[in-house]
Amino acid sequence: MAQKLDENELVNFKELLMANSIQNDALVQLLIEEGIISEQKYFAKFKEVQAQYQKRESIR
């Protein structure tokens, strides 16, 4: 039988989105600081992936 969720443990969409953004930002900063990727390569890939998402969205 399903259990009722504790409302005190639930997060709203904004909190979830913010946590995800902070995690991604921290990871990217660490990769750049450690020299694993360059800032230029990161932004090039970011723009590439962003265009892919926009293309998929326009098809819908």
N, C-alpha and C. Protein backbone atom coordinates (compact mmCIF):
# COMPACT_ATOMS: atom_id res chain seq x y z
N MET A 1 0.84 -1.18 0.00
CA MET A 1 0.00 0.00 0.00
C MET A 1 0.89 1.25 0.00
N ALA A 2 0.50 2.26 -0.76
CA ALA A 2 1.27 3.49 -0.87
C ALA A 2 1.24 4.26 0.44
N GLN A 3 2.39 4.87 0.76
CA GLN A 3 2.47 5.67 1.98
C GLN A 3 2.25 7.14 1.64
N LYS A 4 1.61 7.85 2.56
CA LYS A 4 1.41 9.28 2.38
C LYS A 4 2.75 9.99 2.55
N LEU A 5 3.04 10.90 1.63
CA LEU A 5 4.29 11.65 1.69
C LEU A 5 4.23 12.71 2.78
N ASP A 6 5.35 12.90 3.45
CA ASP A 6 5.46 13.93 4.48
C ASP A 6 5.64 15.28 3.79
N GLU A 7 4.70 16.18 3.95
CA GLU A 7 4.76 17.48 3.28
C GLU A 7 5.98 18.29 3.69
N ASN A 8 6.54 18.04 4.87
CA ASN A 8 7.73 18.76 5.32
C ASN A 8 8.98 18.31 4.56
N GLU A 9 8.93 17.15 3.94
CA GLU A 9 10.07 16.63 3.19
C GLU A 9 9.99 16.94 1.70
N LEU A 10 8.88 17.46 1.26
CA LEU A 10 8.71 17.78 -0.15
C LEU A 10 9.37 19.11 -0.48
N VAL A 11 9.91 19.21 -1.67
CA VAL A 11 10.46 20.48 -2.15
C VAL A 11 9.62 20.92 -3.34
N ASN A 12 9.56 22.21 -3.51
CA ASN A 12 8.80 22.69 -4.67
C ASN A 12 9.72 22.72 -5.89
N PHE A 13 9.12 22.96 -7.02
CA PHE A 13 9.87 22.93 -8.27
C PHE A 13 11.00 23.94 -8.28
N LYS A 14 10.76 25.13 -7.76
CA LYS A 14 11.79 26.18 -7.74
C LYS A 14 13.01 25.74 -6.92
N GLU A 15 12.77 25.12 -5.76
CA GLU A 15 13.87 24.64 -4.92
C GLU A 15 14.66 23.54 -5.62
N LEU A 16 13.95 22.64 -6.29
CA LEU A 16 14.60 21.56 -7.02
C LEU A 16 15.43 22.10 -8.17
N LEU A 17 14.87 23.05 -8.90
CA LEU A 17 15.59 23.66 -10.01
C LEU A 17 16.83 24.40 -9.53
N MET A 18 16.72 25.12 -8.42
CA MET A 18 17.86 25.86 -7.87
C MET A 18 18.95 24.90 -7.42
N ALA A 19 18.59 23.82 -6.74
CA ALA A 19 19.58 22.84 -6.28
C ALA A 19 20.30 22.22 -7.47
N ASN A 20 19.55 21.91 -8.52
CA ASN A 20 20.15 21.32 -9.71
C ASN A 20 21.11 22.31 -10.37
N SER A 21 20.71 23.56 -10.46
CA SER A 21 21.56 24.59 -11.06
C SER A 21 22.85 24.78 -10.27
N ILE A 22 22.75 24.79 -8.95
CA ILE A 22 23.93 24.96 -8.10
C ILE A 22 24.88 23.78 -8.27
N GLN A 23 24.34 22.57 -8.31
CA GLN A 23 25.18 21.38 -8.50
C GLN A 23 25.90 21.43 -9.84
N ASN A 24 25.18 21.77 -10.90
CA ASN A 24 25.79 21.84 -12.22
C ASN A 24 26.86 22.93 -12.28
N ASP A 25 26.57 24.08 -11.71
CA ASP A 25 27.53 25.18 -11.71
C ASP A 25 28.80 24.80 -10.95
N ALA A 26 28.64 24.19 -9.79
CA ALA A 26 29.80 23.77 -9.00
C ALA A 26 30.64 22.75 -9.77
N LEU A 27 30.00 21.81 -10.41
CA LEU A 27 30.72 20.79 -11.17
C LEU A 27 31.50 21.40 -12.33
N VAL A 28 30.86 22.29 -13.08
CA VAL A 28 31.53 22.93 -14.21
C VAL A 28 32.70 23.77 -13.72
N GLN A 29 32.50 24.55 -12.65
CA GLN A 29 33.59 25.36 -12.12
C GLN A 29 34.77 24.50 -11.69
N LEU A 30 34.49 23.39 -11.05
CA LEU A 30 35.55 22.48 -10.60
C LEU A 30 36.30 21.88 -11.79
N LEU A 31 35.58 21.45 -12.81
CA LEU A 31 36.23 20.88 -14.00
C LEU A 31 37.13 21.91 -14.67
N ILE A 32 36.68 23.16 -14.73
CA ILE A 32 37.49 24.22 -15.34
C ILE A 32 38.70 24.55 -14.46
N GLU A 33 38.48 24.70 -13.15
CA GLU A 33 39.57 25.02 -12.23
C GLU A 33 40.65 23.94 -12.22
N GLU A 34 40.25 22.69 -12.34
CA GLU A 34 41.21 21.58 -12.33
C GLU A 34 41.86 21.36 -13.69
N GLY A 35 41.46 22.14 -14.68
CA GLY A 35 42.05 22.03 -16.01
C GLY A 35 41.58 20.82 -16.79
N ILE A 36 40.49 20.22 -16.37
CA ILE A 36 39.97 19.04 -17.07
C ILE A 36 39.31 19.46 -18.37
N ILE A 37 38.61 20.59 -18.34
CA ILE A 37 38.07 21.18 -19.55
C ILE A 37 38.37 22.67 -19.52
N SER A 38 38.37 23.28 -20.70
CA SER A 38 38.57 24.73 -20.75
C SER A 38 37.21 25.42 -20.76
N GLU A 39 37.22 26.66 -20.35
CA GLU A 39 35.98 27.43 -20.35
C GLU A 39 35.43 27.56 -21.77
N GLN A 40 36.34 27.71 -22.74
CA GLN A 40 35.92 27.83 -24.13
C GLN A 40 35.24 26.55 -24.62
N LYS A 41 35.83 25.39 -24.29
CA LYS A 41 35.22 24.13 -24.70
C LYS A 41 33.88 23.92 -24.01
N TYR A 42 33.79 24.32 -22.75
CA TYR A 42 32.52 24.18 -22.03
C TYR A 42 31.43 25.00 -22.72
N PHE A 43 31.72 26.27 -23.01
CA PHE A 43 30.69 27.12 -23.62
C PHE A 43 30.34 26.67 -25.03
N ALA A 44 31.32 26.15 -25.76
CA ALA A 44 31.03 25.62 -27.09
C ALA A 44 30.07 24.44 -26.99
N LYS A 45 30.34 23.53 -26.07
CA LYS A 45 29.46 22.37 -25.88
C LYS A 45 28.10 22.81 -25.36
N PHE A 46 28.09 23.77 -24.45
CA PHE A 46 26.83 24.29 -23.91
C PHE A 46 25.94 24.81 -25.04
N LYS A 47 26.52 25.62 -25.93
CA LYS A 47 25.75 26.18 -27.04
C LYS A 47 25.26 25.08 -27.98
N GLU A 48 26.10 24.07 -28.21
CA GLU A 48 25.73 22.95 -29.07
C GLU A 48 24.54 22.18 -28.49
N VAL A 49 24.62 21.86 -27.23
CA VAL A 49 23.54 21.11 -26.57
C VAL A 49 22.27 21.96 -26.48
N GLN A 50 22.43 23.24 -26.21
CA GLN A 50 21.28 24.14 -26.14
C GLN A 50 20.55 24.17 -27.49
N ALA A 51 21.30 24.23 -28.57
CA ALA A 51 20.69 24.22 -29.91
C ALA A 51 19.96 22.91 -30.17
N GLN A 52 20.52 21.80 -29.71
CA GLN A 52 19.86 20.50 -29.87
C GLN A 52 18.52 20.49 -29.13
N TYR A 53 18.51 21.00 -27.90
CA TYR A 53 17.27 21.05 -27.12
C TYR A 53 16.24 21.94 -27.81
N GLN A 54 16.68 23.09 -28.30
CA GLN A 54 15.76 24.01 -28.96
C GLN A 54 15.19 23.40 -30.23
N LYS A 55 16.02 22.66 -30.95
CA LYS A 55 15.56 21.99 -32.18
C LYS A 55 14.50 20.95 -31.84
N ARG A 56 14.75 20.15 -30.80
CA ARG A 56 13.77 19.14 -30.38
C ARG A 56 12.46 19.80 -29.96
N GLU A 57 12.57 20.92 -29.26
CA GLU A 57 11.38 21.61 -28.77
C GLU A 57 10.57 22.17 -29.93
N SER A 58 11.23 22.64 -30.98
CA SER A 58 10.51 23.22 -32.12
C SER A 58 9.81 22.15 -32.95
N ILE A 59 10.26 20.91 -32.84
CA ILE A 59 9.64 19.80 -33.58
C ILE A 59 8.30 19.43 -32.96
N ARG A 60 8.16 19.61 -31.68
CA ARG A 60 6.92 19.22 -30.98
C ARG A 60 5.73 20.01 -31.41
